[in-house]
Amino acid sequence: MKSKPHITLIECLRLRRFGDRDGFNMLELAIVIIIIAILVGIAVPVLLCTRKKADKVTAEYNLEIAGDCHNRIWVCLADNKAFPDGIEAYKDCDPPDPLKDTGAYESNGWVPVDAQYLSNLETKINWVDLSVTEVSEPVAYAGDGNLKLATEEHGFRILGVWKGGQQLMGGEEILEDWSIIPGKIGAVEDQYYWDGRWQDNTDNAYVTFITLERNGTAHYMTFKQGSVAGSGTFDWDDGAGYPGNEDDPVDDPVDDPVDDPVDDPVDDPVDDPVDDPVDDPVDPVDPVDPVEDPIIVTDIEISADDIDIRPVTLNLSSNGTFNVSFALPEGYTASDIDMDSAWCSGAYCIDVKQAGNKVILKFERQDLLNVQVGDEVEIFIGGSFYDGNKFSGSDTIRVIDEGN
């Protein structure tokens, strides 16, 4: 029995409508082309908009990652209390072993927190080593501390790309190849922008992180000795951009609100309360009471006897989690702890639970920073309660690395 030949739907319609006539006429082709053009006209803007949003989200997320990395690194630097010259700075006197063979460590006895350093601690991130060229007479305004470029001669340069402690890219060919930066995190440690000009970061008290969208929008965050000194966005402008617009009246808006309330409204309230309600100036004494409320305990020290770290032996090569528990201070519960603020030797808390009068904080082992191998290694913990009070403490534990 012979099987019937198979034909496509289009062939079927063509045979039914046009018999044996081959192909489509011009009108049918025009209709198909118009439909395709309409679909393309709808799809392309949607795809471009989606890509733009995704690009922005990626840049913002990478900047958040940079901030988290900074916080963990600064906690470890502060815990070690080994700042050179006694100045709190982004200098590590006990860096990872690969960095101890660098010229910076051999010359100074410490290494700066730059792209190479960061790539040894956060090995899954691509770090871009950014530098800022010098200029003799900067002219831009930055009274608010925002990151800006002083003149057109003052611009960014790419010195290298690092990942996992290895330099992936370098050389003159990448100095101004801005297509490298999107999707990565840039680090500037040689200079910082303040008071209207770029200044040499001689004490390494500053570090700046930058991420870049493909459309040229740059996101930045500058830290000074562990705290955010400035953040925002600016137009990259082929490496010579700065946030804001110099044509905007930067000085005027600041002066206007100051002039108005100082000259006019201040005089009126002074005349009224002085002449009539003599008792009114006494009333402001009452609000003094709330000021006393926050001054309860600024730092609650957790005793080592109250801290329990499990497992009792930490393996740095493991990708699992570990728990830190301690007795809650009187009047507090686990829900009173700000989980985002809790840390343990550089690792940030991922879960908080309560068991009786104790709180259990969970951390990822791979997030630990600068933890040495030994039988009695001191592990630090800290964090804040939602009422603003802080807690901190330390305990010793055995640390191994089965890879060594």
Protein backbone atom coordinates (compact mmCIF):
# COMPACT_ATOMS: atom_id res chain seq x y z
CA MET A 1 0.00 0.00 0.00
CA LYS A 2 1.49 3.31 -1.06
CA SER A 3 1.71 6.13 1.47
CA LYS A 4 0.29 9.51 0.58
CA PRO A 5 2.83 12.24 -0.19
CA HIS A 6 3.29 14.86 2.56
CA ILE A 7 2.93 18.53 1.69
CA THR A 8 3.46 21.62 3.81
CA LEU A 9 0.68 23.92 4.98
CA ILE A 10 1.86 26.71 2.66
CA GLU A 11 1.86 24.34 -0.30
CA CYS A 12 -1.61 23.19 0.64
CA LEU A 13 -2.96 26.73 0.78
CA ARG A 14 -1.25 27.63 -2.47
CA LEU A 15 -2.72 24.63 -4.27
CA ARG A 16 -6.19 25.34 -2.93
CA ARG A 17 -6.11 29.04 -3.82
CA PHE A 18 -4.00 29.19 -6.94
CA GLY A 19 -3.99 25.66 -8.31
CA ASP A 20 -0.70 24.84 -9.96
CA ARG A 21 0.59 28.42 -10.00
CA ASP A 22 4.12 28.66 -8.55
CA GLY A 23 5.27 31.30 -6.03
CA PHE A 24 3.59 34.38 -4.56
CA ASN A 25 2.55 37.51 -6.32
CA MET A 26 3.96 40.95 -5.50
CA LEU A 27 1.08 41.90 -3.21
CA GLU A 28 1.58 38.81 -1.03
CA LEU A 29 5.32 39.40 -0.81
CA ALA A 30 4.73 43.03 0.13
CA ILE A 31 2.35 42.01 2.91
CA VAL A 32 4.89 39.52 4.29
CA ILE A 33 7.68 42.12 4.20
CA ILE A 34 5.50 44.71 5.97
CA ILE A 35 4.58 42.22 8.71
CA ILE A 36 8.23 41.32 9.22
CA ALA A 37 9.18 45.02 9.35
CA ILE A 38 6.50 45.71 11.96
CA LEU A 39 7.68 42.81 14.11
CA VAL A 40 11.28 43.94 13.83
CA GLY A 41 10.27 47.51 14.66
CA ILE A 42 8.60 46.28 17.84
CA ALA A 43 11.21 43.71 18.86
CA VAL A 44 14.42 45.71 18.33
CA PRO A 45 13.56 48.63 20.69
CA VAL A 46 12.34 46.16 23.30
CA LEU A 47 15.57 44.18 23.05
CA LEU A 48 17.70 47.32 23.20
CA CYS A 49 15.78 48.61 26.22
CA THR A 50 16.09 45.24 27.94
CA ARG A 51 19.81 45.14 27.24
CA LYS A 52 20.22 48.68 28.57
CA LYS A 53 18.38 47.82 31.78
CA ALA A 54 20.38 44.63 32.17
CA ASP A 55 23.59 46.59 31.63
CA LYS A 56 22.61 49.08 34.33
CA VAL A 57 21.63 46.35 36.77
CA THR A 58 24.94 44.57 36.15
CA ALA A 59 26.96 47.74 36.81
CA GLU A 60 25.02 48.50 40.01
CA TYR A 61 25.27 44.91 41.22
CA ASN A 62 29.02 44.76 40.55
CA LEU A 63 29.47 47.97 42.53
CA GLU A 64 27.57 46.41 45.44
CA ILE A 65 29.89 43.40 45.22
CA ALA A 66 32.87 45.76 45.32
CA GLY A 67 31.43 47.41 48.42
CA ASP A 68 30.96 44.04 50.12
CA CYS A 69 34.52 43.05 49.23
CA HIS A 70 35.78 46.33 50.65
CA ASN A 71 33.90 45.81 53.91
CA ARG A 72 35.29 42.32 54.43
CA ILE A 73 38.83 43.43 53.62
CA TRP A 74 38.65 46.47 55.89
CA VAL A 75 37.32 44.37 58.76
CA CYS A 76 40.31 42.04 58.43
CA LEU A 77 42.79 44.93 58.17
CA ALA A 78 41.28 46.55 61.24
CA ASP A 79 41.21 43.25 63.16
CA ASN A 80 44.89 42.64 62.47
CA LYS A 81 45.68 46.16 63.72
CA ALA A 82 48.89 46.14 61.73
CA PHE A 83 48.60 49.45 59.88
CA PRO A 84 52.03 50.79 58.91
CA ASP A 85 53.02 53.98 60.73
CA GLY A 86 49.91 53.63 62.88
CA ILE A 87 47.73 55.23 60.16
CA GLU A 88 44.55 53.43 59.16
CA ALA A 89 45.03 52.81 55.46
CA TYR A 90 44.47 50.32 52.66
CA LYS A 91 47.81 48.59 53.25
CA ASP A 92 48.24 44.92 54.12
CA CYS A 93 51.39 43.96 56.01
CA ASP A 94 50.46 40.27 55.86
CA PRO A 95 49.04 39.75 52.36
CA PRO A 96 48.45 36.41 50.63
CA ASP A 97 51.70 34.55 49.92
CA PRO A 98 51.81 35.28 46.15
CA LEU A 99 51.90 39.03 46.90
CA LYS A 100 54.88 38.68 49.24
CA ASP A 101 57.08 38.14 46.17
CA THR A 102 56.07 41.46 44.60
CA GLY A 103 58.32 44.49 44.47
CA ALA A 104 55.87 46.55 46.52
CA TYR A 105 56.02 44.15 49.45
CA GLU A 106 59.78 43.71 49.26
CA SER A 107 60.30 47.49 49.21
CA ASN A 108 57.69 48.64 51.72
CA GLY A 109 56.80 45.59 53.79
CA TRP A 110 53.15 45.95 52.72
CA VAL A 111 51.01 45.89 49.57
CA PRO A 112 48.22 48.32 48.59
CA VAL A 113 44.60 47.31 48.09
CA ASP A 114 44.64 47.43 44.29
CA ALA A 115 43.31 45.23 41.50
CA GLN A 116 46.08 42.66 41.90
CA TYR A 117 45.52 42.44 45.67
CA LEU A 118 41.74 42.17 45.27
CA SER A 119 42.07 39.40 42.68
CA ASN A 120 43.97 37.27 45.19
CA LEU A 121 41.18 37.56 47.76
CA GLU A 122 38.08 37.64 45.51
CA THR A 123 39.19 35.15 42.88
CA LYS A 124 35.93 34.89 40.89
CA ILE A 125 35.84 38.58 39.92
CA ASN A 126 37.62 40.31 37.04
CA TRP A 127 39.36 43.37 38.49
CA VAL A 128 40.52 46.27 36.29
CA ASP A 129 43.54 48.24 37.49
CA LEU A 130 42.62 51.88 36.74
CA SER A 131 44.96 54.83 37.07
CA VAL A 132 44.46 58.58 36.71
CA THR A 133 46.97 60.67 34.79
CA GLU A 134 48.38 63.72 36.56
CA VAL A 135 47.60 67.34 35.73
CA SER A 136 49.24 70.50 37.06
CA GLU A 137 46.27 72.88 37.37
CA PRO A 138 42.92 71.18 37.98
CA VAL A 139 39.93 73.48 37.47
CA ALA A 140 36.77 71.46 38.10
CA TYR A 141 34.59 71.96 41.17
CA ALA A 142 33.90 69.18 43.69
CA GLY A 143 32.90 70.82 46.94
CA ASP A 144 30.63 67.86 47.72
CA GLY A 145 33.48 65.40 47.36
CA ASN A 146 32.11 63.83 44.19
CA LEU A 147 34.44 62.15 41.77
CA LYS A 148 35.29 64.44 38.84
CA LEU A 149 38.02 65.03 36.29
CA ALA A 150 39.85 68.27 36.62
CA THR A 151 40.62 69.01 32.95
CA GLU A 152 40.46 67.34 29.56
CA GLU A 153 44.12 66.37 30.01
CA HIS A 154 43.23 64.44 33.13
CA GLY A 155 41.84 61.00 32.33
CA PHE A 156 41.62 57.36 33.28
CA ARG A 157 43.98 54.68 32.00
CA ILE A 158 43.73 50.88 32.14
CA LEU A 159 46.92 49.32 33.48
CA GLY A 160 45.78 45.70 33.55
CA VAL A 161 43.04 43.15 34.18
CA TRP A 162 43.41 40.64 37.03
CA LYS A 163 41.57 37.51 38.07
CA GLY A 164 42.55 34.86 40.60
CA GLY A 165 45.89 36.57 41.20
CA GLN A 166 46.83 36.32 37.51
CA GLN A 167 47.12 39.21 35.08
CA LEU A 168 44.86 38.47 32.12
CA MET A 169 45.55 41.62 30.10
CA GLY A 170 48.09 44.46 30.10
CA GLY A 171 50.20 46.69 27.93
CA GLU A 172 49.75 49.87 25.90
CA GLU A 173 47.10 48.33 23.67
CA ILE A 174 44.53 48.34 26.50
CA LEU A 175 45.30 51.76 28.04
CA GLU A 176 42.15 53.31 26.54
CA ASP A 177 40.17 50.25 25.51
CA TRP A 178 37.04 51.09 27.50
CA SER A 179 35.15 48.07 26.08
CA ILE A 180 37.13 46.00 28.60
CA ILE A 181 35.50 47.57 31.69
CA PRO A 182 31.76 46.66 31.35
CA GLY A 183 31.03 43.53 33.37
CA LYS A 184 34.15 44.03 35.50
CA ILE A 185 35.09 46.13 38.55
CA GLY A 186 37.67 48.89 38.28
CA ALA A 187 39.85 49.90 41.24
CA VAL A 188 41.69 53.23 41.60
CA GLU A 189 44.24 53.43 44.41
CA ASP A 190 46.88 55.89 43.24
CA GLN A 191 44.72 59.03 43.49
CA TYR A 192 41.41 60.27 44.90
CA TYR A 193 39.22 63.22 44.02
CA TRP A 194 38.48 65.82 46.68
CA ASP A 195 38.18 69.59 47.08
CA GLY A 196 38.03 70.27 43.35
CA ARG A 197 41.05 68.29 42.22
CA TRP A 198 42.70 64.91 42.01
CA GLN A 199 45.14 64.34 44.84
CA ASP A 200 47.88 61.79 45.37
CA ASN A 201 46.77 58.95 47.62
CA THR A 202 50.10 59.02 49.43
CA ASP A 203 48.83 57.44 52.66
CA ASN A 204 46.57 54.94 50.84
CA ALA A 205 43.67 56.18 52.98
CA TYR A 206 41.32 56.09 49.96
CA VAL A 207 40.23 53.52 47.40
CA THR A 208 37.71 54.02 44.58
CA PHE A 209 35.68 51.36 42.75
CA ILE A 210 34.18 52.01 39.30
CA THR A 211 31.83 50.01 37.08
CA LEU A 212 30.83 51.00 33.56
CA GLU A 213 27.76 50.51 31.39
CA ARG A 214 28.19 50.05 27.65
CA ASN A 215 26.32 53.31 27.03
CA GLY A 216 29.07 55.22 28.86
CA THR A 217 27.44 55.67 32.26
CA ALA A 218 29.97 55.09 35.04
CA HIS A 219 29.09 54.14 38.62
CA TYR A 220 31.60 54.82 41.39
CA MET A 221 32.06 54.49 45.14
CA THR A 222 34.97 56.02 47.05
CA PHE A 223 35.96 54.77 50.51
CA LYS A 224 38.06 56.58 53.08
CA GLN A 225 39.45 54.49 55.93
CA GLY A 226 36.53 52.08 55.92
CA SER A 227 33.69 54.57 55.31
CA VAL A 228 31.97 55.74 52.12
CA ALA A 229 33.35 59.16 51.14
CA GLY A 230 31.37 59.57 47.91
CA SER A 231 29.26 57.64 45.40
CA GLY A 232 27.11 58.19 42.33
CA THR A 233 27.24 58.12 38.53
CA PHE A 234 28.91 60.19 35.84
CA ASP A 235 29.37 60.23 32.07
CA TRP A 236 32.54 58.30 31.22
CA ASP A 237 33.18 60.54 28.20
CA ASP A 238 35.93 58.39 26.74
CA GLY A 239 37.80 58.30 30.04
CA ALA A 240 37.63 62.05 30.66
CA GLY A 241 34.19 62.33 32.30
CA TYR A 242 33.04 63.58 35.66
CA PRO A 243 29.71 63.56 37.50
CA GLY A 244 27.48 66.60 37.11
CA ASN A 245 27.65 69.43 34.63
CA GLU A 246 30.02 72.37 35.06
CA ASP A 247 27.45 74.60 33.36
CA ASP A 248 24.99 74.00 36.20
CA PRO A 249 25.11 76.69 38.91
CA VAL A 250 26.85 74.61 41.51
CA ASP A 251 27.49 77.54 43.87
CA ASP A 252 24.16 79.38 43.50
CA PRO A 253 21.75 76.72 44.76
CA VAL A 254 23.88 76.35 47.86
CA ASP A 255 23.90 80.09 48.59
CA ASP A 256 20.19 80.69 47.96
CA PRO A 257 18.75 78.49 50.69
CA VAL A 258 21.32 79.86 53.12
CA ASP A 259 20.58 83.53 52.34
CA ASP A 260 16.81 83.22 52.61
CA PRO A 261 16.46 81.62 56.02
CA VAL A 262 19.32 83.59 57.55
CA ASP A 263 18.26 87.08 56.50
CA ASP A 264 14.48 86.99 56.69
CA PRO A 265 12.82 84.17 58.63
CA VAL A 266 15.31 84.13 61.49
CA ASP A 267 14.51 87.67 62.59
CA ASP A 268 10.75 87.07 62.89
CA PRO A 269 10.82 84.11 65.27
CA VAL A 270 13.40 85.85 67.43
CA ASP A 271 11.15 88.91 67.99
CA ASP A 272 8.02 86.92 68.84
CA PRO A 273 9.24 84.42 71.42
CA VAL A 274 11.46 86.92 73.23
CA ASP A 275 8.73 89.53 73.82
CA ASP A 276 5.66 87.42 74.54
CA PRO A 277 6.13 83.79 75.58
CA VAL A 278 9.04 84.05 77.96
CA ASP A 279 8.52 80.48 79.02
CA ASP A 280 8.92 79.14 75.47
CA PRO A 281 12.73 79.12 75.51
CA VAL A 282 12.48 76.86 78.53
CA ASP A 283 10.38 74.33 76.61
CA PRO A 284 13.25 73.14 74.38
CA VAL A 285 14.80 71.68 77.54
CA ASP A 286 12.25 68.87 77.41
CA PRO A 287 13.56 67.34 74.14
CA VAL A 288 16.91 66.78 75.88
CA ASP A 289 15.50 63.62 77.44
CA PRO A 290 15.45 61.58 74.18
CA VAL A 291 19.15 62.29 73.71
CA GLU A 292 19.86 60.15 76.74
CA ASP A 293 18.09 57.11 75.25
CA PRO A 294 20.77 56.09 72.70
CA ILE A 295 23.51 56.46 75.30
CA ILE A 296 22.92 53.04 76.80
CA VAL A 297 25.63 50.72 75.50
CA THR A 298 27.66 51.54 72.42
CA ASP A 299 29.61 48.29 72.25
CA ILE A 300 28.60 45.02 73.90
CA GLU A 301 31.62 42.75 74.37
CA ILE A 302 30.81 39.06 73.92
CA SER A 303 33.02 36.89 76.13
CA ALA A 304 35.00 34.10 74.50
CA ASP A 305 33.42 31.69 76.97
CA ASP A 306 30.00 32.54 75.53
CA ILE A 307 31.07 32.06 71.89
CA ASP A 308 30.78 28.62 70.27
CA ILE A 309 32.03 28.00 66.71
CA ARG A 310 30.92 24.83 64.92
CA PRO A 311 32.39 22.73 63.48
CA VAL A 312 35.23 22.81 65.99
CA THR A 313 37.73 22.55 63.12
CA LEU A 314 37.39 24.82 60.08
CA ASN A 315 38.70 23.57 56.75
CA LEU A 316 39.51 26.52 54.49
CA SER A 317 39.31 24.30 51.41
CA SER A 318 35.69 23.41 52.14
CA ASN A 319 32.84 25.27 50.46
CA GLY A 320 30.38 24.56 53.27
CA THR A 321 29.06 26.76 56.04
CA PHE A 322 29.90 27.20 59.70
CA ASN A 323 27.93 28.51 62.67
CA VAL A 324 28.82 30.95 65.42
CA SER A 325 26.57 31.04 68.48
CA PHE A 326 26.70 33.13 71.63
CA ALA A 327 24.47 34.05 74.55
CA LEU A 328 22.25 37.02 73.78
CA PRO A 329 22.62 40.08 76.01
CA GLU A 330 19.73 40.63 78.38
CA GLY A 331 16.71 42.15 76.68
CA TYR A 332 17.71 41.07 73.16
CA THR A 333 16.44 38.37 70.80
CA ALA A 334 17.80 37.07 67.49
CA SER A 335 15.29 39.24 65.62
CA ASP A 336 16.95 42.33 67.11
CA ILE A 337 20.19 41.63 65.21
CA ASP A 338 20.74 43.35 61.87
CA MET A 339 21.82 40.34 59.81
CA ASP A 340 23.41 42.49 57.10
CA SER A 341 25.79 43.98 59.68
CA ALA A 342 26.89 40.68 61.27
CA TRP A 343 30.35 39.43 60.22
CA CYS A 344 32.96 36.89 61.19
CA SER A 345 36.59 37.52 60.11
CA GLY A 346 35.50 39.03 56.80
CA ALA A 347 32.54 36.72 56.11
CA TYR A 348 29.07 38.22 56.22
CA CYS A 349 26.11 36.47 57.84
CA ILE A 350 23.68 34.53 55.63
CA ASP A 351 21.21 33.37 58.30
CA VAL A 352 20.19 34.16 61.90
CA LYS A 353 18.35 31.80 64.24
CA GLN A 354 17.62 31.63 67.96
CA ALA A 355 17.99 28.58 70.20
CA GLY A 356 16.94 29.27 73.77
CA ASN A 357 18.84 32.30 75.02
CA LYS A 358 21.48 31.94 72.27
CA VAL A 359 21.66 33.26 68.74
CA ILE A 360 23.14 31.20 65.89
CA LEU A 361 24.79 33.06 63.01
CA LYS A 362 25.59 31.14 59.81
CA PHE A 363 28.48 32.04 57.46
CA GLU A 364 30.07 30.74 54.23
CA ARG A 365 33.57 29.33 54.76
CA GLN A 366 34.89 30.58 51.42
CA ASP A 367 34.08 34.17 52.50
CA LEU A 368 36.64 34.12 55.32
CA LEU A 369 39.54 36.52 54.75
CA ASN A 370 43.14 36.38 56.01
CA VAL A 371 42.46 33.44 58.33
CA GLN A 372 45.67 31.53 59.01
CA VAL A 373 46.10 27.79 59.55
CA GLY A 374 46.81 26.70 63.12
CA ASP A 375 45.60 24.92 66.24
CA GLU A 376 44.49 28.10 68.03
CA VAL A 377 43.51 30.75 65.50
CA GLU A 378 41.60 33.77 66.78
CA ILE A 379 38.31 34.33 64.96
CA PHE A 380 36.57 37.70 65.34
CA ILE A 381 32.83 38.38 65.22
CA GLY A 382 30.83 41.59 65.29
CA GLY A 383 27.66 43.33 64.20
CA SER A 384 24.87 45.66 65.24
CA PHE A 385 21.43 45.52 66.78
CA TYR A 386 18.59 47.42 65.21
CA ASP A 387 18.63 49.87 68.13
CA GLY A 388 22.11 51.01 67.06
CA ASN A 389 24.11 49.20 69.74
CA LYS A 390 27.00 47.04 68.55
CA PHE A 391 28.40 43.69 69.65
CA SER A 392 31.84 42.17 69.14
CA GLY A 393 34.01 39.38 70.45
CA SER A 394 36.49 36.67 69.52
CA ASP A 395 37.31 33.03 70.18
CA THR A 396 40.02 30.60 69.12
CA ILE A 397 39.50 27.55 66.93
CA ARG A 398 41.53 25.01 64.98
CA VAL A 399 41.90 25.88 61.28
CA ILE A 400 43.20 23.52 58.60
CA ASP A 401 43.58 23.55 54.83
CA GLU A 402 43.41 20.07 53.40
CA GLY A 403 44.86 21.37 50.16
CA ASN A 404 48.21 22.03 51.89
